[in-house]
């Protein structure tokens, strides 16, 4: 059986579109674990996926953000939606990767990628 981990930003525009894909994967025999914040649990469980939560520090666009630059300096700037999603991905992905079994692909609804072992 194929096992797939999915994770998403806590935004309806990221989670809702993938729900039909998750239903199709499950109907074809895949075992899907979907990581998202708790307020999406009901919609995710309705697909047949296993719901898993993660700790989110999602900041609404416009929230001041302090970023460490490569040279060690810090820079403060207001977040934009792409930056917010990038920061959330950087915080969430490590939480999920430690729970992933070798070979389990991951589908991210925050950034467009699917990854496996290679």
PDB file of N, CA and C in Angstrom:
ATOM      1  N   UNK A   1       0.834  -1.179   0.000  1.00  0.00           N
ATOM      2  CA  UNK A   1       0.000   0.000   0.000  1.00  0.00           C
ATOM      3  C   UNK A   1       0.883   1.248   0.000  1.00  0.00           C
ATOM      4  N   UNK A   2       0.516   2.202  -0.811  1.00  0.00           N
ATOM      5  CA  UNK A   2       1.234   3.469  -0.867  1.00  0.00           C
ATOM      6  C   UNK A   2       0.831   4.323   0.319  1.00  0.00           C
ATOM      7  N   UNK A   3       1.828   4.882   1.005  1.00  0.00           N
ATOM      8  CA  UNK A   3       1.582   5.795   2.124  1.00  0.00           C
ATOM      9  C   UNK A   3       2.054   7.177   1.715  1.00  0.00           C
ATOM     10  N   UNK A   4       1.194   8.163   1.944  1.00  0.00           N
ATOM     11  CA  UNK A   4       1.501   9.534   1.541  1.00  0.00           C
ATOM     12  C   UNK A   4       1.245  10.471   2.705  1.00  0.00           C
ATOM     13  N   UNK A   5       2.169  11.404   2.921  1.00  0.00           N
ATOM     14  CA  UNK A   5       1.992  12.463   3.905  1.00  0.00           C
ATOM     15  C   UNK A   5       1.708  13.758   3.155  1.00  0.00           C
ATOM     16  N   UNK A   6       0.721  14.494   3.619  1.00  0.00           N
ATOM     17  CA  UNK A   6       0.351  15.770   3.009  1.00  0.00           C
ATOM     18  C   UNK A   6       0.412  16.825   4.101  1.00  0.00           C
ATOM     19  N   UNK A   7       0.892  18.021   3.772  1.00  0.00           N
ATOM     20  CA  UNK A   7       0.802  19.110   4.732  1.00  0.00           C
ATOM     21  C   UNK A   7       0.465  20.394   4.007  1.00  0.00           C
ATOM     22  N   UNK A   8      -0.106  21.328   4.762  1.00  0.00           N
ATOM     23  CA  UNK A   8      -0.589  22.539   4.131  1.00  0.00           C
ATOM     24  C   UNK A   8      -0.510  23.737   5.053  1.00  0.00           C
ATOM     25  N   UNK A   9      -0.422  24.897   4.429  1.00  0.00           N
ATOM     26  CA  UNK A   9      -0.552  26.150   5.168  1.00  0.00           C
ATOM     27  C   UNK A   9      -1.973  26.215   5.714  1.00  0.00           C
ATOM     28  N   UNK A  10      -2.178  26.918   6.803  1.00  0.00           N
ATOM     29  CA  UNK A  10      -3.514  27.004   7.385  1.00  0.00           C
ATOM     30  C   UNK A  10      -4.410  27.994   6.643  1.00  0.00           C
ATOM     31  N   UNK A  11      -4.586  27.740   5.363  1.00  0.00           N
ATOM     32  CA  UNK A  11      -5.395  28.605   4.511  1.00  0.00           C
ATOM     33  C   UNK A  11      -6.364  27.747   3.703  1.00  0.00           C
ATOM     34  N   UNK A  12      -7.633  28.144   3.684  1.00  0.00           N
ATOM     35  CA  UNK A  12      -8.627  27.371   2.941  1.00  0.00           C
ATOM     36  C   UNK A  12      -8.255  27.236   1.475  1.00  0.00           C
ATOM     37  N   UNK A  13      -7.650  28.255   0.897  1.00  0.00           N
ATOM     38  CA  UNK A  13      -7.254  28.205  -0.505  1.00  0.00           C
ATOM     39  C   UNK A  13      -6.156  27.201  -0.797  1.00  0.00           C
ATOM     40  N   UNK A  14      -5.465  26.736   0.229  1.00  0.00           N
ATOM     41  CA  UNK A  14      -4.432  25.712   0.063  1.00  0.00           C
ATOM     42  C   UNK A  14      -4.973  24.327   0.391  1.00  0.00           C
ATOM     43  N   UNK A  15      -5.860  24.251   1.374  1.00  0.00           N
ATOM     44  CA  UNK A  15      -6.361  22.944   1.816  1.00  0.00           C
ATOM     45  C   UNK A  15      -7.532  22.462   0.962  1.00  0.00           C
ATOM     46  N   UNK A  16      -8.519  23.307   0.727  1.00  0.00           N
ATOM     47  CA  UNK A  16      -9.712  22.849   0.000  1.00  0.00           C
ATOM     48  C   UNK A  16      -9.415  22.241  -1.367  1.00  0.00           C
ATOM     49  N   UNK A  17      -8.541  22.819  -2.184  1.00  0.00           N
ATOM     50  CA  UNK A  17      -8.303  22.229  -3.506  1.00  0.00           C
ATOM     51  C   UNK A  17      -7.690  20.822  -3.464  1.00  0.00           C
ATOM     52  N   UNK A  18      -6.940  20.516  -2.427  1.00  0.00           N
ATOM     53  CA  UNK A  18      -6.265  19.210  -2.376  1.00  0.00           C
ATOM     54  C   UNK A  18      -7.174  18.103  -1.834  1.00  0.00           C
ATOM     55  N   UNK A  19      -8.306  18.474  -1.217  1.00  0.00           N
ATOM     56  CA  UNK A  19      -9.174  17.460  -0.600  1.00  0.00           C
ATOM     57  C   UNK A  19      -9.698  16.448  -1.613  1.00  0.00           C
ATOM     58  N   UNK A  20     -10.083  16.895  -2.807  1.00  0.00           N
ATOM     59  CA  UNK A  20     -10.565  15.964  -3.836  1.00  0.00           C
ATOM     60  C   UNK A  20      -9.443  15.041  -4.302  1.00  0.00           C
ATOM     61  N   UNK A  21      -8.230  15.558  -4.378  1.00  0.00           N
ATOM     62  CA  UNK A  21      -7.078  14.726  -4.755  1.00  0.00           C
ATOM     63  C   UNK A  21      -6.854  13.652  -3.690  1.00  0.00           C
ATOM     64  N   UNK A  22      -6.958  14.046  -2.426  1.00  0.00           N
ATOM     65  CA  UNK A  22      -6.782  13.091  -1.327  1.00  0.00           C
ATOM     66  C   UNK A  22      -7.831  11.993  -1.414  1.00  0.00           C
ATOM     67  N   UNK A  23      -9.086  12.361  -1.668  1.00  0.00           N
ATOM     68  CA  UNK A  23     -10.148  11.356  -1.813  1.00  0.00           C
ATOM     69  C   UNK A  23      -9.824  10.370  -2.930  1.00  0.00           C
ATOM     70  N   UNK A  24      -9.312  10.873  -4.053  1.00  0.00           N
ATOM     71  CA  UNK A  24      -8.950  10.001  -5.179  1.00  0.00           C
ATOM     72  C   UNK A  24      -7.803   9.063  -4.811  1.00  0.00           C
ATOM     73  N   UNK A  25      -6.803   9.592  -4.129  1.00  0.00           N
ATOM     74  CA  UNK A  25      -5.681   8.743  -3.712  1.00  0.00           C
ATOM     75  C   UNK A  25      -6.166   7.623  -2.797  1.00  0.00           C
ATOM     76  N   UNK A  26      -7.039   7.959  -1.867  1.00  0.00           N
ATOM     77  CA  UNK A  26      -7.571   6.957  -0.940  1.00  0.00           C
ATOM     78  C   UNK A  26      -8.432   5.945  -1.685  1.00  0.00           C
ATOM     79  N   UNK A  27      -9.243   6.399  -2.647  1.00  0.00           N
ATOM     80  CA  UNK A  27     -10.088   5.475  -3.416  1.00  0.00           C
ATOM     81  C   UNK A  27      -9.253   4.503  -4.245  1.00  0.00           C
ATOM     82  N   UNK A  28      -8.003   4.890  -4.518  1.00  0.00           N
ATOM     83  CA  UNK A  28      -7.098   4.015  -5.283  1.00  0.00           C
ATOM     84  C   UNK A  28      -6.200   3.181  -4.372  1.00  0.00           C
ATOM     85  N   UNK A  29      -6.495   3.216  -3.059  1.00  0.00           N
ATOM     86  CA  UNK A  29      -5.790   2.340  -2.133  1.00  0.00           C
ATOM     87  C   UNK A  29      -4.657   2.975  -1.347  1.00  0.00           C
ATOM     88  N   UNK A  30      -4.437   4.263  -1.514  1.00  0.00           N
ATOM     89  CA  UNK A  30      -3.357   4.918  -0.760  1.00  0.00           C
ATOM     90  C   UNK A  30      -3.789   5.163   0.679  1.00  0.00           C
ATOM     91  N   UNK A  31      -2.827   5.126   1.563  1.00  0.00           N
ATOM     92  CA  UNK A  31      -3.030   5.502   2.960  1.00  0.00           C
ATOM     93  C   UNK A  31      -2.474   6.918   3.099  1.00  0.00           C
ATOM     94  N   UNK A  32      -3.340   7.875   3.453  1.00  0.00           N
ATOM     95  CA  UNK A  32      -2.945   9.276   3.478  1.00  0.00           C
ATOM     96  C   UNK A  32      -3.034   9.832   4.894  1.00  0.00           C
ATOM     97  N   UNK A  33      -1.952  10.454   5.334  1.00  0.00           N
ATOM     98  CA  UNK A  33      -1.938  11.210   6.592  1.00  0.00           C
ATOM     99  C   UNK A  33      -1.803  12.672   6.213  1.00  0.00           C
ATOM    100  N   UNK A  34      -2.725  13.504   6.668  1.00  0.00           N
ATOM    101  CA  UNK A  34      -2.758  14.923   6.297  1.00  0.00           C
ATOM    102  C   UNK A  34      -2.449  15.755   7.529  1.00  0.00           C
ATOM    103  N   UNK A  35      -1.365  16.529   7.469  1.00  0.00           N
ATOM    104  CA  UNK A  35      -0.952  17.416   8.555  1.00  0.00           C
ATOM    105  C   UNK A  35      -1.483  18.821   8.286  1.00  0.00           C
ATOM    106  N   UNK A  36      -2.224  19.361   9.255  1.00  0.00           N
ATOM    107  CA  UNK A  36      -2.758  20.717   9.147  1.00  0.00           C
ATOM    108  C   UNK A  36      -3.138  21.186  10.551  1.00  0.00           C
ATOM    109  N   UNK A  37      -3.399  22.473  10.714  1.00  0.00           N
ATOM    110  CA  UNK A  37      -3.874  22.957  12.004  1.00  0.00           C
ATOM    111  C   UNK A  37      -5.248  22.370  12.348  1.00  0.00           C
ATOM    112  N   UNK A  38      -5.567  22.361  13.622  1.00  0.00           N
ATOM    113  CA  UNK A  38      -6.751  21.668  14.134  1.00  0.00           C
ATOM    114  C   UNK A  38      -8.075  22.129  13.540  1.00  0.00           C
ATOM    115  N   UNK A  39      -8.190  23.387  13.130  1.00  0.00           N
ATOM    116  CA  UNK A  39      -9.482  23.856  12.621  1.00  0.00           C
ATOM    117  C   UNK A  39      -9.865  23.229  11.279  1.00  0.00           C
ATOM    118  N   UNK A  40      -8.972  22.466  10.660  1.00  0.00           N
ATOM    119  CA  UNK A  40      -9.273  21.792   9.403  1.00  0.00           C
ATOM    120  C   UNK A  40      -9.542  20.293   9.595  1.00  0.00           C
ATOM    121  N   UNK A  41      -9.555  19.842  10.827  1.00  0.00           N
ATOM    122  CA  UNK A  41      -9.673  18.404  11.110  1.00  0.00           C
ATOM    123  C   UNK A  41     -10.919  17.773  10.480  1.00  0.00           C
ATOM    124  N   UNK A  42     -12.074  18.380  10.648  1.00  0.00           N
ATOM    125  CA  UNK A  42     -13.310  17.777  10.147  1.00  0.00           C
ATOM    126  C   UNK A  42     -13.280  17.589   8.635  1.00  0.00           C
ATOM    127  N   UNK A  43     -12.854  18.590   7.901  1.00  0.00           N
ATOM    128  CA  UNK A  43     -12.807  18.502   6.436  1.00  0.00           C
ATOM    129  C   UNK A  43     -11.815  17.437   5.976  1.00  0.00           C
ATOM    130  N   UNK A  44     -10.707  17.335   6.665  1.00  0.00           N
ATOM    131  CA  UNK A  44      -9.690  16.350   6.289  1.00  0.00           C
ATOM    132  C   UNK A  44     -10.158  14.931   6.598  1.00  0.00           C
ATOM    133  N   UNK A  45     -10.713  14.730   7.776  1.00  0.00           N
ATOM    134  CA  UNK A  45     -11.222  13.390   8.128  1.00  0.00           C
ATOM    135  C   UNK A  45     -12.337  12.943   7.186  1.00  0.00           C
ATOM    136  N   UNK A  46     -13.127  13.891   6.672  1.00  0.00           N
ATOM    137  CA  UNK A  46     -14.218  13.555   5.751  1.00  0.00           C
ATOM    138  C   UNK A  46     -13.710  12.921   4.457  1.00  0.00           C
ATOM    139  N   UNK A  47     -12.449  13.144   4.107  1.00  0.00           N
ATOM    140  CA  UNK A  47     -11.876  12.545   2.893  1.00  0.00           C
ATOM    141  C   UNK A  47     -11.482  11.091   3.109  1.00  0.00           C
ATOM    142  N   UNK A  48     -11.396  10.686   4.374  1.00  0.00           N
ATOM    143  CA  UNK A  48     -10.907   9.352   4.697  1.00  0.00           C
ATOM    144  C   UNK A  48      -9.451   9.351   5.115  1.00  0.00           C
ATOM    145  N   UNK A  49      -8.814  10.523   5.062  1.00  0.00           N
ATOM    146  CA  UNK A  49      -7.402  10.634   5.463  1.00  0.00           C
ATOM    147  C   UNK A  49      -7.291  10.624   6.981  1.00  0.00           C
ATOM    148  N   UNK A  50      -6.133  10.236   7.459  1.00  0.00           N
ATOM    149  CA  UNK A  50      -5.821  10.332   8.874  1.00  0.00           C
ATOM    150  C   UNK A  50      -5.388  11.768   9.138  1.00  0.00           C
ATOM    151  N   UNK A  51      -6.018  12.413  10.103  1.00  0.00           N
ATOM    152  CA  UNK A  51      -5.669  13.797  10.427  1.00  0.00           C
ATOM    153  C   UNK A  51      -4.536  13.822  11.438  1.00  0.00           C
ATOM    154  N   UNK A  52      -3.547  14.654  11.168  1.00  0.00           N
ATOM    155  CA  UNK A  52      -2.433  14.890  12.086  1.00  0.00           C
ATOM    156  C   UNK A  52      -2.274  16.400  12.205  1.00  0.00           C
ATOM    157  N   UNK A  53      -2.029  16.869  13.397  1.00  0.00           N
ATOM    158  CA  UNK A  53      -1.868  18.303  13.569  1.00  0.00           C
ATOM    159  C   UNK A  53      -0.397  18.669  13.682  1.00  0.00           C
ATOM    160  N   UNK A  54      -0.080  19.916  13.448  1.00  0.00           N
ATOM    161  CA  UNK A  54       1.266  20.422  13.652  1.00  0.00           C
ATOM    162  C   UNK A  54       1.180  21.768  14.350  1.00  0.00           C
ATOM    163  N   UNK A  55       2.257  22.173  14.955  1.00  0.00           N
ATOM    164  CA  UNK A  55       2.316  23.472  15.610  1.00  0.00           C
ATOM    165  C   UNK A  55       2.539  24.538  14.547  1.00  0.00           C
ATOM    166  N   UNK A  56       1.573  25.438  14.423  1.00  0.00           N
ATOM    167  CA  UNK A  56       1.662  26.496  13.418  1.00  0.00           C
ATOM    168  C   UNK A  56       2.017  27.817  14.073  1.00  0.00           C
ATOM    169  N   UNK A  57       2.886  28.564  13.422  1.00  0.00           N
ATOM    170  CA  UNK A  57       3.202  29.931  13.845  1.00  0.00           C
ATOM    171  C   UNK A  57       2.885  30.874  12.697  1.00  0.00           C
ATOM    172  N   UNK A  58       1.870  30.510  11.927  1.00  0.00           N
ATOM    173  CA  UNK A  58       1.481  31.267  10.742  1.00  0.00           C
ATOM    174  C   UNK A  58       1.188  32.711  11.110  1.00  0.00           C
ATOM    175  N   UNK A  59       1.797  33.625  10.386  1.00  0.00           N
ATOM    176  CA  UNK A  59       1.603  35.054  10.612  1.00  0.00           C
ATOM    177  C   UNK A  59       0.828  35.633   9.441  1.00  0.00           C
ATOM    178  N   UNK A  60      -0.249  36.361   9.719  1.00  0.00           N
ATOM    179  CA  UNK A  60      -0.987  36.975   8.615  1.00  0.00           C
ATOM    180  C   UNK A  60      -0.084  37.926   7.827  1.00  0.00           C
ATOM    181  N   UNK A  61      -0.287  38.014   6.509  1.00  0.00           N
ATOM    182  CA  UNK A  61       0.503  38.961   5.727  1.00  0.00           C
ATOM    183  C   UNK A  61       0.433  40.365   6.334  1.00  0.00           C
ATOM    184  N   UNK A  62       1.557  41.057   6.339  1.00  0.00           N
ATOM    185  CA  UNK A  62       1.651  42.390   6.915  1.00  0.00           C
ATOM    186  C   UNK A  62       2.233  42.404   8.314  1.00  0.00           C
ATOM    187  N   UNK A  63       2.292  41.236   8.961  1.00  0.00           N
ATOM    188  CA  UNK A  63       2.874  41.140  10.299  1.00  0.00           C
ATOM    189  C   UNK A  63       4.377  41.400  10.192  1.00  0.00           C
ATOM    190  N   UNK A  64       4.934  42.255  11.053  1.00  0.00           N
ATOM    191  CA  UNK A  64       6.383  42.469  11.000  1.00  0.00           C
ATOM    192  C   UNK A  64       7.136  41.162  11.272  1.00  0.00           C
ATOM    193  N   UNK A  65       8.157  40.942  10.508  1.00  0.00           N
ATOM    194  CA  UNK A  65       8.931  39.704  10.619  1.00  0.00           C
ATOM    195  C   UNK A  65      10.415  40.052  10.660  1.00  0.00           C
ATOM    196  N   UNK A  66      11.157  39.372  11.507  1.00  0.00           N
ATOM    197  CA  UNK A  66      12.598  39.587  11.626  1.00  0.00           C
ATOM    198  C   UNK A  66      13.301  38.377  11.012  1.00  0.00           C
ATOM    199  N   UNK A  67      14.112  38.621  10.002  1.00  0.00           N
ATOM    200  CA  UNK A  67      14.787  37.545   9.272  1.00  0.00           C
ATOM    201  C   UNK A  67      16.294  37.680   9.434  1.00  0.00           C
ATOM    202  N   UNK A  68      16.963  36.540   9.687  1.00  0.00           N
ATOM    203  CA  UNK A  68      18.417  36.539   9.777  1.00  0.00           C
ATOM    204  C   UNK A  68      18.993  36.337   8.375  1.00  0.00           C
ATOM    205  N   UNK A  69      19.857  37.240   7.968  1.00  0.00           N
ATOM    206  CA  UNK A  69      20.489  37.169   6.653  1.00  0.00           C
ATOM    207  C   UNK A  69      21.708  36.255   6.696  1.00  0.00           C
ATOM    208  N   UNK A  70      22.188  35.860   5.528  1.00  0.00           N
ATOM    209  CA  UNK A  70      23.329  34.948   5.431  1.00  0.00           C
ATOM    210  C   UNK A  70      24.572  35.506   6.110  1.00  0.00           C
ATOM    211  N   UNK A  71      24.737  36.830   6.107  1.00  0.00           N
ATOM    212  CA  UNK A  71      25.924  37.421   6.730  1.00  0.00           C
ATOM    213  C   UNK A  71      25.763  37.633   8.236  1.00  0.00           C
ATOM    214  N   UNK A  72      24.652  37.151   8.811  1.00  0.00           N
ATOM    215  CA  UNK A  72      24.442  37.241  10.253  1.00  0.00           C
ATOM    216  C   UNK A  72      23.625  38.438  10.702  1.00  0.00           C
ATOM    217  N   UNK A  73      23.467  39.429   9.825  1.00  0.00           N
ATOM    218  CA  UNK A  73      22.648  40.585  10.187  1.00  0.00           C
ATOM    219  C   UNK A  73      21.175  40.194  10.192  1.00  0.00           C
ATOM    220  N   UNK A  74      20.375  40.986  10.868  1.00  0.00           N
ATOM    221  CA  UNK A  74      18.936  40.777  10.884  1.00  0.00           C
ATOM    222  C   UNK A  74      18.252  41.906  10.124  1.00  0.00           C
ATOM    223  N   UNK A  75      17.130  41.588   9.526  1.00  0.00           N
ATOM    224  CA  UNK A  75      16.378  42.570   8.772  1.00  0.00           C
ATOM    225  C   UNK A  75      14.900  42.427   9.149  1.00  0.00           C
ATOM    226  N   UNK A  76      14.231  43.517   9.442  1.00  0.00           N
ATOM    227  CA  UNK A  76      12.802  43.494   9.742  1.00  0.00           C
ATOM    228  C   UNK A  76      12.036  43.944   8.511  1.00  0.00           C
ATOM    229  N   UNK A  77      10.989  43.213   8.170  1.00  0.00           N
ATOM    230  CA  UNK A  77      10.165  43.588   7.044  1.00  0.00           C
ATOM    231  C   UNK A  77       8.758  43.060   7.250  1.00  0.00           C
ATOM    232  N   UNK A  78       7.771  43.694   6.629  1.00  0.00           N
ATOM    233  CA  UNK A  78       6.414  43.154   6.748  1.00  0.00           C
ATOM    234  C   UNK A  78       6.309  41.896   5.894  1.00  0.00           C
ATOM    235  N   UNK A  79       5.584  40.928   6.377  1.00  0.00           N
ATOM    236  CA  UNK A  79       5.449  39.690   5.618  1.00  0.00           C
ATOM    237  C   UNK A  79       4.470  39.870   4.468  1.00  0.00           C
ATOM    238  N   UNK A  80       4.747  39.179   3.405  1.00  0.00           N
ATOM    239  CA  UNK A  80       3.836  39.068   2.272  1.00  0.00           C
ATOM    240  C   UNK A  80       3.336  37.631   2.299  1.00  0.00           C
ATOM    241  N   UNK A  81       2.303  37.312   1.557  1.00  0.00           N
ATOM    242  CA  UNK A  81       1.787  35.948   1.581  1.00  0.00           C
ATOM    243  C   UNK A  81       2.854  34.932   1.156  1.00  0.00           C
ATOM    244  N   UNK A  82       3.605  35.164   0.072  1.00  0.00           N
ATOM    245  CA  UNK A  82       4.647  34.172  -0.270  1.00  0.00           C
ATOM    246  C   UNK A  82       5.693  34.005   0.839  1.00  0.00           C
ATOM    247  N   UNK A  83       6.113  35.093   1.466  1.00  0.00           N
ATOM    248  CA  UNK A  83       7.086  34.994   2.549  1.00  0.00           C
ATOM    249  C   UNK A  83       6.490  34.261   3.748  1.00  0.00           C
ATOM    250  N   UNK A  84       5.230  34.555   4.070  1.00  0.00           N
ATOM    251  CA  UNK A  84       4.559  33.886   5.181  1.00  0.00           C
ATOM    252  C   UNK A  84       4.508  32.380   4.941  1.00  0.00           C
ATOM    253  N   UNK A  85       4.167  31.979   3.730  1.00  0.00           N
ATOM    254  CA  UNK A  85       4.087  30.550   3.407  1.00  0.00           C
ATOM    255  C   UNK A  85       5.474  29.916   3.453  1.00  0.00           C
ATOM    256  N   UNK A  86       6.477  30.609   2.965  1.00  0.00           N
ATOM    257  CA  UNK A  86       7.845  30.091   3.019  1.00  0.00           C
ATOM    258  C   UNK A  86       8.304  29.902   4.467  1.00  0.00           C
ATOM    259  N   UNK A  87       8.047  30.879   5.315  1.00  0.00           N
ATOM    260  CA  UNK A  87       8.422  30.760   6.726  1.00  0.00           C
ATOM    261  C   UNK A  87       7.684  29.620   7.404  1.00  0.00           C
ATOM    262  N   UNK A  88       6.390  29.478   7.123  1.00  0.00           N
ATOM    263  CA  UNK A  88       5.600  28.395   7.723  1.00  0.00           C
ATOM    264  C   UNK A  88       6.129  27.037   7.260  1.00  0.00           C
ATOM    265  N   UNK A  89       6.473  26.925   5.988  1.00  0.00           N
ATOM    266  CA  UNK A  89       7.031  25.671   5.473  1.00  0.00           C
ATOM    267  C   UNK A  89       8.314  25.320   6.217  1.00  0.00           C
ATOM    268  N   UNK A  90       9.179  26.311   6.425  1.00  0.00           N
ATOM    269  CA  UNK A  90      10.435  26.077   7.137  1.00  0.00           C
ATOM    270  C   UNK A  90      10.232  25.638   8.577  1.00  0.00           C
ATOM    271  N   UNK A  91       9.146  26.048   9.196  1.00  0.00           N
ATOM    272  CA  UNK A  91       8.862  25.652  10.574  1.00  0.00           C
ATOM    273  C   UNK A  91       8.164  24.299  10.657  1.00  0.00           C
ATOM    274  N   UNK A  92       7.308  24.014   9.679  1.00  0.00           N
ATOM    275  CA  UNK A  92       6.476  22.811   9.724  1.00  0.00           C
ATOM    276  C   UNK A  92       7.192  21.575   9.174  1.00  0.00           C
ATOM    277  N   UNK A  93       7.909  21.733   8.087  1.00  0.00           N
ATOM    278  CA  UNK A  93       8.533  20.578   7.438  1.00  0.00           C
ATOM    279  C   UNK A  93       9.403  19.762   8.389  1.00  0.00           C
ATOM    280  N   UNK A  94      10.243  20.365   9.220  1.00  0.00           N
ATOM    281  CA  UNK A  94      11.029  19.542  10.150  1.00  0.00           C
ATOM    282  C   UNK A  94      10.163  18.738  11.123  1.00  0.00           C
ATOM    283  N   UNK A  95       9.014  19.294  11.542  1.00  0.00           N
ATOM    284  CA  UNK A  95       8.114  18.568  12.438  1.00  0.00           C
ATOM    285  C   UNK A  95       7.581  17.297  11.779  1.00  0.00           C
ATOM    286  N   UNK A  96       7.326  17.385  10.484  1.00  0.00           N
ATOM    287  CA  UNK A  96       6.746  16.263   9.756  1.00  0.00           C
ATOM    288  C   UNK A  96       7.814  15.259   9.330  1.00  0.00           C
ATOM    289  N   UNK A  97       8.963  15.737   8.912  1.00  0.00           N
ATOM    290  CA  UNK A  97      10.012  14.837   8.427  1.00  0.00           C
ATOM    291  C   UNK A  97      10.474  13.853   9.494  1.00  0.00           C
ATOM    292  N   UNK A  98      10.481  14.257  10.747  1.00  0.00           N
ATOM    293  CA  UNK A  98      10.913  13.333  11.801  1.00  0.00           C
ATOM    294  C   UNK A  98       9.905  12.216  12.008  1.00  0.00           C
ATOM    295  N   UNK A  99       8.670  12.390  11.534  1.00  0.00           N
ATOM    296  CA  UNK A  99       7.625  11.373  11.689  1.00  0.00           C
ATOM    297  C   UNK A  99       7.461  10.515  10.445  1.00  0.00           C
ATOM    298  N   UNK A 100       8.167  10.842   9.393  1.00  0.00           N
ATOM    299  CA  UNK A 100       8.023  10.186   8.098  1.00  0.00           C
ATOM    300  C   UNK A 100       8.834   8.902   8.049  1.00  0.00           C
ATOM    301  N   UNK A 101       8.217   7.861   7.535  1.00  0.00           N
ATOM    302  CA  UNK A 101       8.942   6.609   7.321  1.00  0.00           C
ATOM    303  C   UNK A 101       9.734   6.731   6.019  1.00  0.00           C
ATOM    304  N   UNK A 102      10.907   6.104   5.949  1.00  0.00           N
ATOM    305  CA  UNK A 102      11.689   6.159   4.706  1.00  0.00           C
ATOM    306  C   UNK A 102      10.842   5.696   3.519  1.00  0.00           C
ATOM    307  N   UNK A 103      10.903   6.449   2.463  1.00  0.00           N
ATOM    308  CA  UNK A 103      10.171   6.094   1.258  1.00  0.00           C
ATOM    309  C   UNK A 103       8.793   6.704   1.147  1.00  0.00           C
ATOM    310  N   UNK A 104       8.249   7.250   2.237  1.00  0.00           N
ATOM    311  CA  UNK A 104       6.930   7.876   2.171  1.00  0.00           C
ATOM    312  C   UNK A 104       7.044   9.206   1.430  1.00  0.00           C
ATOM    313  N   UNK A 105       6.308   9.358   0.328  1.00  0.00           N
ATOM    314  CA  UNK A 105       6.336  10.653  -0.350  1.00  0.00           C
ATOM    315  C   UNK A 105       5.568  11.696   0.458  1.00  0.00           C
ATOM    316  N   UNK A 106       5.885  12.953   0.238  1.00  0.00           N
ATOM    317  CA  UNK A 106       5.214  14.063   0.912  1.00  0.00           C
ATOM    318  C   UNK A 106       4.646  14.985  -0.152  1.00  0.00           C
ATOM    319  N   UNK A 107       3.399  15.392   0.024  1.00  0.00           N
ATOM    320  CA  UNK A 107       2.786  16.387  -0.837  1.00  0.00           C
ATOM    321  C   UNK A 107       2.592  17.634   0.009  1.00  0.00           C
ATOM    322  N   UNK A 108       3.113  18.753  -0.434  1.00  0.00           N
ATOM    323  CA  UNK A 108       2.965  20.007   0.291  1.00  0.00           C
ATOM    324  C   UNK A 108       1.992  20.910  -0.438  1.00  0.00           C
ATOM    325  N   UNK A 109       1.057  21.461   0.304  1.00  0.00           N
ATOM    326  CA  UNK A 109       0.117  22.430  -0.274  1.00  0.00           C
ATOM    327  C   UNK A 109       0.560  23.843   0.025  1.00  0.00           C
ATOM    328  N   UNK A 110       1.790  23.997   0.516  1.00  0.00           N
ATOM    329  CA  UNK A 110       2.335  25.312   0.790  1.00  0.00           C
ATOM    330  C   UNK A 110       3.224  25.750  -0.360  1.00  0.00           C
ATOM    331  N   UNK A 111       4.025  24.843  -0.820  1.00  0.00           N
ATOM    332  CA  UNK A 111       4.881  25.097  -1.970  1.00  0.00           C
ATOM    333  C   UNK A 111       4.696  23.920  -2.907  1.00  0.00           C
ATOM    334  N   UNK A 112       4.774  24.117  -4.194  1.00  0.00           N
ATOM    335  CA  UNK A 112       4.463  23.028  -5.114  1.00  0.00           C
ATOM    336  C   UNK A 112       5.607  22.028  -5.239  1.00  0.00           C
ATOM    337  N   UNK A 113       5.637  21.039  -4.345  1.00  0.00           N
ATOM    338  CA  UNK A 113       6.618  19.981  -4.524  1.00  0.00           C
ATOM    339  C   UNK A 113       6.122  18.681  -3.926  1.00  0.00           C
ATOM    340  N   UNK A 114       6.633  17.603  -4.473  1.00  0.00           N
ATOM    341  CA  UNK A 114       6.417  16.271  -3.932  1.00  0.00           C
ATOM    342  C   UNK A 114       7.805  15.682  -3.811  1.00  0.00           C
ATOM    343  N   UNK A 115       8.127  15.051  -2.673  1.00  0.00           N
ATOM    344  CA  UNK A 115       9.470  14.515  -2.549  1.00  0.00           C
ATOM    345  C   UNK A 115       9.420  13.079  -2.037  1.00  0.00           C
ATOM    346  N   UNK A 116      10.443  12.342  -2.376  1.00  0.00           N
ATOM    347  CA  UNK A 116      10.608  10.978  -1.909  1.00  0.00           C
ATOM    348  C   UNK A 116      12.016  10.839  -1.360  1.00  0.00           C
ATOM    349  N   UNK A 117      12.572   9.649  -1.438  1.00  0.00           N
ATOM    350  CA  UNK A 117      13.905   9.411  -0.905  1.00  0.00           C
ATOM    351  C   UNK A 117      15.013   9.980  -1.782  1.00  0.00           C
ATOM    352  N   UNK A 118      14.763  10.124  -3.048  1.00  0.00           N
ATOM    353  CA  UNK A 118      15.832  10.543  -3.957  1.00  0.00           C
ATOM    354  C   UNK A 118      15.656  11.962  -4.425  1.00  0.00           C
TER     355      UNK A 118
END
